[in-house]
Amino acid sequence: MNPVTLLPFIVLIGAMFLMTRSAKKKQAAAANMRNEMQPGTGVRTIGGMYATVKELHDDTVLLEVAPGVHAIYAKNAIGAVLDDAEYNRIVHGDAEELDVDGAIVPDDASSLTEADEDTSKDAKPDLVKKTEADDAEQADDTADKKTEGKADGEADAK
């Protein structure tokens, strides 16, 4: 048989081997995570329910889903074992402590600009710096308008 015809089969078998190997690694990691469970640990089931582990058995786990409410689940139904900080943040709504050394961003931009104390709140600041040439052009424009006798936008109405 020609080696060129065997090449697609070899590639296919190699791809299947790599896929099964990665699936086995994921299964081993999930089993290891489930074996690390201890009473008092917060967990999330594959259905998305958060609970606290009360008792561990061979194939089952007793979970406390609410104070005084217990349910028995299969160990395979545990999707994730959560650390205490993450469990408390999700279930109890505990806020994470903020970094007080970091920069604090204000809610609005008004505190980022310093307003002059002598200006009133009604006055709008002039954001463009005027030069003497700009003043001369403005004076020429007003003089031209007066000589034409019509303002911009006006037409002869009869």
C-alpha atoms as a PDB file:
ATOM      1  CA  MET A   1       0.000   0.000   0.000  1.00  0.00           C
ATOM      2  CA  ASN A   2       1.135   3.501  -0.782  1.00  0.00           C
ATOM      3  CA  PRO A   3       2.161   5.634   2.228  1.00  0.00           C
ATOM      4  CA  VAL A   4       0.335   8.629   0.732  1.00  0.00           C
ATOM      5  CA  THR A   5      -2.989   6.805   1.062  1.00  0.00           C
ATOM      6  CA  LEU A   6      -2.223   5.886   4.682  1.00  0.00           C
ATOM      7  CA  LEU A   7      -1.395   9.468   5.636  1.00  0.00           C
ATOM      8  CA  PRO A   8      -5.039  10.680   6.136  1.00  0.00           C
ATOM      9  CA  PHE A   9      -5.763   7.677   8.372  1.00  0.00           C
ATOM     10  CA  ILE A  10      -2.655   8.340  10.467  1.00  0.00           C
ATOM     11  CA  VAL A  11      -3.583  12.003  10.863  1.00  0.00           C
ATOM     12  CA  LEU A  12      -7.155  11.059  11.845  1.00  0.00           C
ATOM     13  CA  ILE A  13      -5.962   8.557  14.467  1.00  0.00           C
ATOM     14  CA  GLY A  14      -3.502  11.126  15.860  1.00  0.00           C
ATOM     15  CA  ALA A  15      -6.226  13.789  16.148  1.00  0.00           C
ATOM     16  CA  MET A  16      -8.529  11.349  17.940  1.00  0.00           C
ATOM     17  CA  PHE A  17      -5.721  10.456  20.350  1.00  0.00           C
ATOM     18  CA  LEU A  18      -5.065  14.135  21.157  1.00  0.00           C
ATOM     19  CA  MET A  19      -8.767  14.862  21.720  1.00  0.00           C
ATOM     20  CA  THR A  20      -9.260  11.911  24.060  1.00  0.00           C
ATOM     21  CA  ARG A  21      -6.110  12.823  25.975  1.00  0.00           C
ATOM     22  CA  SER A  22      -7.334  16.389  26.599  1.00  0.00           C
ATOM     23  CA  ALA A  23     -10.784  15.093  27.632  1.00  0.00           C
ATOM     24  CA  LYS A  24      -9.151  12.700  30.099  1.00  0.00           C
ATOM     25  CA  LYS A  25      -7.098  15.560  31.547  1.00  0.00           C
ATOM     26  CA  LYS A  26     -10.286  17.619  32.072  1.00  0.00           C
ATOM     27  CA  GLN A  27     -12.025  14.675  33.728  1.00  0.00           C
ATOM     28  CA  ALA A  28      -9.055  14.096  36.021  1.00  0.00           C
ATOM     29  CA  ALA A  29      -8.986  17.782  36.992  1.00  0.00           C
ATOM     30  CA  ALA A  30     -12.736  17.718  37.754  1.00  0.00           C
ATOM     31  CA  ALA A  31     -12.356  14.562  39.858  1.00  0.00           C
ATOM     32  CA  ASN A  32      -9.438  16.131  41.735  1.00  0.00           C
ATOM     33  CA  MET A  33     -11.529  19.263  42.387  1.00  0.00           C
ATOM     34  CA  ARG A  34     -14.410  17.166  43.728  1.00  0.00           C
ATOM     35  CA  ASN A  35     -12.023  15.236  45.987  1.00  0.00           C
ATOM     36  CA  GLU A  36     -10.787  18.513  47.512  1.00  0.00           C
ATOM     37  CA  MET A  37     -14.281  19.303  48.847  1.00  0.00           C
ATOM     38  CA  GLN A  38     -14.594  19.496  52.616  1.00  0.00           C
ATOM     39  CA  PRO A  39     -17.535  20.273  54.895  1.00  0.00           C
ATOM     40  CA  GLY A  40     -18.077  24.032  54.972  1.00  0.00           C
ATOM     41  CA  THR A  41     -16.818  24.594  51.421  1.00  0.00           C
ATOM     42  CA  GLY A  42     -18.943  26.654  49.039  1.00  0.00           C
ATOM     43  CA  VAL A  43     -19.803  24.959  45.741  1.00  0.00           C
ATOM     44  CA  ARG A  44     -21.717  25.616  42.519  1.00  0.00           C
ATOM     45  CA  THR A  45     -23.647  22.747  40.996  1.00  0.00           C
ATOM     46  CA  ILE A  46     -23.765  22.100  37.252  1.00  0.00           C
ATOM     47  CA  GLY A  47     -27.299  23.512  37.382  1.00  0.00           C
ATOM     48  CA  GLY A  48     -25.988  26.831  38.742  1.00  0.00           C
ATOM     49  CA  MET A  49     -27.122  26.478  42.361  1.00  0.00           C
ATOM     50  CA  TYR A  50     -24.788  27.742  45.089  1.00  0.00           C
ATOM     51  CA  ALA A  51     -24.633  25.762  48.325  1.00  0.00           C
ATOM     52  CA  THR A  52     -22.420  24.816  51.251  1.00  0.00           C
ATOM     53  CA  VAL A  53     -21.096  21.260  51.697  1.00  0.00           C
ATOM     54  CA  LYS A  54     -22.345  19.665  54.932  1.00  0.00           C
ATOM     55  CA  GLU A  55     -21.367  15.995  54.546  1.00  0.00           C
ATOM     56  CA  LEU A  56     -19.370  13.931  52.058  1.00  0.00           C
ATOM     57  CA  HIS A  57     -20.171  10.322  51.187  1.00  0.00           C
ATOM     58  CA  ASP A  58     -18.723   7.944  48.595  1.00  0.00           C
ATOM     59  CA  ASP A  59     -20.783   9.079  45.603  1.00  0.00           C
ATOM     60  CA  THR A  60     -23.026  11.751  47.120  1.00  0.00           C
ATOM     61  CA  VAL A  61     -22.762  15.093  48.869  1.00  0.00           C
ATOM     62  CA  LEU A  62     -25.162  16.644  51.377  1.00  0.00           C
ATOM     63  CA  LEU A  63     -25.522  20.326  50.512  1.00  0.00           C
ATOM     64  CA  GLU A  64     -27.123  23.108  52.531  1.00  0.00           C
ATOM     65  CA  VAL A  65     -28.860  25.259  49.929  1.00  0.00           C
ATOM     66  CA  ALA A  66     -30.409  27.619  52.514  1.00  0.00           C
ATOM     67  CA  PRO A  67     -30.238  27.783  56.308  1.00  0.00           C
ATOM     68  CA  GLY A  68     -31.843  24.547  57.500  1.00  0.00           C
ATOM     69  CA  VAL A  69     -32.567  23.270  53.951  1.00  0.00           C
ATOM     70  CA  HIS A  70     -30.491  20.246  52.912  1.00  0.00           C
ATOM     71  CA  ALA A  71     -30.338  18.363  49.633  1.00  0.00           C
ATOM     72  CA  ILE A  72     -28.422  15.289  48.507  1.00  0.00           C
ATOM     73  CA  TYR A  73     -26.526  15.587  45.213  1.00  0.00           C
ATOM     74  CA  ALA A  74     -24.246  13.266  43.287  1.00  0.00           C
ATOM     75  CA  LYS A  75     -20.598  14.264  43.432  1.00  0.00           C
ATOM     76  CA  ASN A  76     -20.614  14.480  39.643  1.00  0.00           C
ATOM     77  CA  ALA A  77     -23.217  17.267  39.896  1.00  0.00           C
ATOM     78  CA  ILE A  78     -20.697  19.616  41.531  1.00  0.00           C
ATOM     79  CA  GLY A  79     -19.505  21.999  38.828  1.00  0.00           C
ATOM     80  CA  ALA A  80     -17.036  24.101  40.809  1.00  0.00           C
ATOM     81  CA  VAL A  81     -15.573  24.342  44.279  1.00  0.00           C
ATOM     82  CA  LEU A  82     -15.357  28.030  45.224  1.00  0.00           C
ATOM     83  CA  ASP A  83     -12.999  29.726  47.633  1.00  0.00           C
ATOM     84  CA  ASP A  84     -14.567  31.506  50.613  1.00  0.00           C
ATOM     85  CA  ALA A  85     -14.159  35.049  49.275  1.00  0.00           C
ATOM     86  CA  GLU A  86     -15.790  34.260  45.927  1.00  0.00           C
ATOM     87  CA  TYR A  87     -18.626  32.287  47.547  1.00  0.00           C
ATOM     88  CA  ASN A  88     -19.404  35.125  49.989  1.00  0.00           C
ATOM     89  CA  ARG A  89     -19.255  37.701  47.191  1.00  0.00           C
ATOM     90  CA  ILE A  90     -21.724  35.779  45.039  1.00  0.00           C
ATOM     91  CA  VAL A  91     -24.126  34.398  47.653  1.00  0.00           C
ATOM     92  CA  HIS A  92     -24.105  37.056  50.372  1.00  0.00           C
ATOM     93  CA  GLY A  93     -23.298  40.041  48.168  1.00  0.00           C
ATOM     94  CA  ASP A  94     -20.200  40.938  50.138  1.00  0.00           C
ATOM     95  CA  ALA A  95     -18.300  43.692  48.364  1.00  0.00           C
ATOM     96  CA  GLU A  96     -14.626  43.197  47.808  1.00  0.00           C
ATOM     97  CA  GLU A  97     -12.431  45.648  49.654  1.00  0.00           C
ATOM     98  CA  LEU A  98     -11.382  48.488  47.413  1.00  0.00           C
ATOM     99  CA  ASP A  99      -7.760  49.408  46.897  1.00  0.00           C
ATOM    100  CA  VAL A 100      -7.512  52.675  48.830  1.00  0.00           C
ATOM    101  CA  ASP A 101      -4.027  53.363  47.525  1.00  0.00           C
ATOM    102  CA  GLY A 102      -5.233  53.368  43.922  1.00  0.00           C
ATOM    103  CA  ALA A 103      -6.652  56.341  42.062  1.00  0.00           C
ATOM    104  CA  ILE A 104     -10.255  57.228  42.850  1.00  0.00           C
ATOM    105  CA  VAL A 105     -12.304  58.140  39.806  1.00  0.00           C
ATOM    106  CA  PRO A 106     -14.978  60.786  40.440  1.00  0.00           C
ATOM    107  CA  ASP A 107     -18.587  60.224  39.355  1.00  0.00           C
ATOM    108  CA  ASP A 108     -18.637  63.359  37.222  1.00  0.00           C
ATOM    109  CA  ALA A 109     -16.070  65.507  35.477  1.00  0.00           C
ATOM    110  CA  SER A 110     -16.858  68.684  37.423  1.00  0.00           C
ATOM    111  CA  SER A 111     -14.238  67.927  40.036  1.00  0.00           C
ATOM    112  CA  LEU A 112     -11.572  67.513  37.361  1.00  0.00           C
ATOM    113  CA  THR A 113     -11.690  71.169  36.295  1.00  0.00           C
ATOM    114  CA  GLU A 114     -11.083  74.026  38.650  1.00  0.00           C
ATOM    115  CA  ALA A 115     -13.631  76.812  38.246  1.00  0.00           C
ATOM    116  CA  ASP A 116     -12.608  80.391  38.855  1.00  0.00           C
ATOM    117  CA  GLU A 117     -14.126  81.675  42.074  1.00  0.00           C
ATOM    118  CA  ASP A 118     -14.832  85.140  40.657  1.00  0.00           C
ATOM    119  CA  THR A 119     -16.943  83.936  37.714  1.00  0.00           C
ATOM    120  CA  SER A 120     -20.638  83.381  38.183  1.00  0.00           C
ATOM    121  CA  LYS A 121     -22.307  80.078  37.352  1.00  0.00           C
ATOM    122  CA  ASP A 122     -24.440  81.665  34.613  1.00  0.00           C
ATOM    123  CA  ALA A 123     -21.475  83.023  32.676  1.00  0.00           C
ATOM    124  CA  LYS A 124     -20.078  80.699  30.038  1.00  0.00           C
ATOM    125  CA  PRO A 125     -16.299  80.591  29.828  1.00  0.00           C
ATOM    126  CA  ASP A 126     -14.640  81.528  26.554  1.00  0.00           C
ATOM    127  CA  LEU A 127     -12.696  78.454  25.500  1.00  0.00           C
ATOM    128  CA  VAL A 128     -10.884  80.063  22.560  1.00  0.00           C
ATOM    129  CA  LYS A 129      -8.030  82.443  23.132  1.00  0.00           C
ATOM    130  CA  LYS A 130      -8.552  85.596  21.082  1.00  0.00           C
ATOM    131  CA  THR A 131      -5.790  87.574  19.473  1.00  0.00           C
ATOM    132  CA  GLU A 132      -5.681  91.176  18.228  1.00  0.00           C
ATOM    133  CA  ALA A 133      -6.029  89.923  14.647  1.00  0.00           C
ATOM    134  CA  ASP A 134      -9.298  88.153  15.558  1.00  0.00           C
ATOM    135  CA  ASP A 135     -10.646  91.377  17.098  1.00  0.00           C
ATOM    136  CA  ALA A 136      -9.768  93.315  13.922  1.00  0.00           C
ATOM    137  CA  GLU A 137     -11.509  90.720  11.715  1.00  0.00           C
ATOM    138  CA  GLN A 138     -14.627  90.861  13.878  1.00  0.00           C
ATOM    139  CA  ALA A 139     -14.718  94.678  13.599  1.00  0.00           C
ATOM    140  CA  ASP A 140     -14.371  94.434   9.799  1.00  0.00           C
ATOM    141  CA  ASP A 141     -17.215  91.887   9.601  1.00  0.00           C
ATOM    142  CA  THR A 142     -19.602  94.124  11.554  1.00  0.00           C
ATOM    143  CA  ALA A 143     -18.708  97.101   9.371  1.00  0.00           C
ATOM    144  CA  ASP A 144     -19.401  95.085   6.196  1.00  0.00           C
ATOM    145  CA  LYS A 145     -22.812  94.021   7.489  1.00  0.00           C
ATOM    146  CA  LYS A 146     -23.800  97.605   8.202  1.00  0.00           C
ATOM    147  CA  THR A 147     -22.868  98.712   4.697  1.00  0.00           C
ATOM    148  CA  GLU A 148     -24.867  95.941   3.021  1.00  0.00           C
ATOM    149  CA  GLY A 149     -28.018  96.879   4.898  1.00  0.00           C
ATOM    150  CA  LYS A 150     -29.104  93.281   5.248  1.00  0.00           C
ATOM    151  CA  ALA A 151     -28.292  90.734   7.877  1.00  0.00           C
ATOM    152  CA  ASP A 152     -27.382  87.178   6.992  1.00  0.00           C
ATOM    153  CA  GLY A 153     -30.400  85.169   5.944  1.00  0.00           C
ATOM    154  CA  GLU A 154     -32.597  88.137   5.077  1.00  0.00           C
ATOM    155  CA  ALA A 155     -34.031  88.392   1.595  1.00  0.00           C
ATOM    156  CA  ASP A 156     -35.931  91.054  -0.294  1.00  0.00           C
ATOM    157  CA  ALA A 157     -39.564  90.573   0.686  1.00  0.00           C
ATOM    158  CA  LYS A 158     -42.247  92.163  -1.452  1.00  0.00           C
END
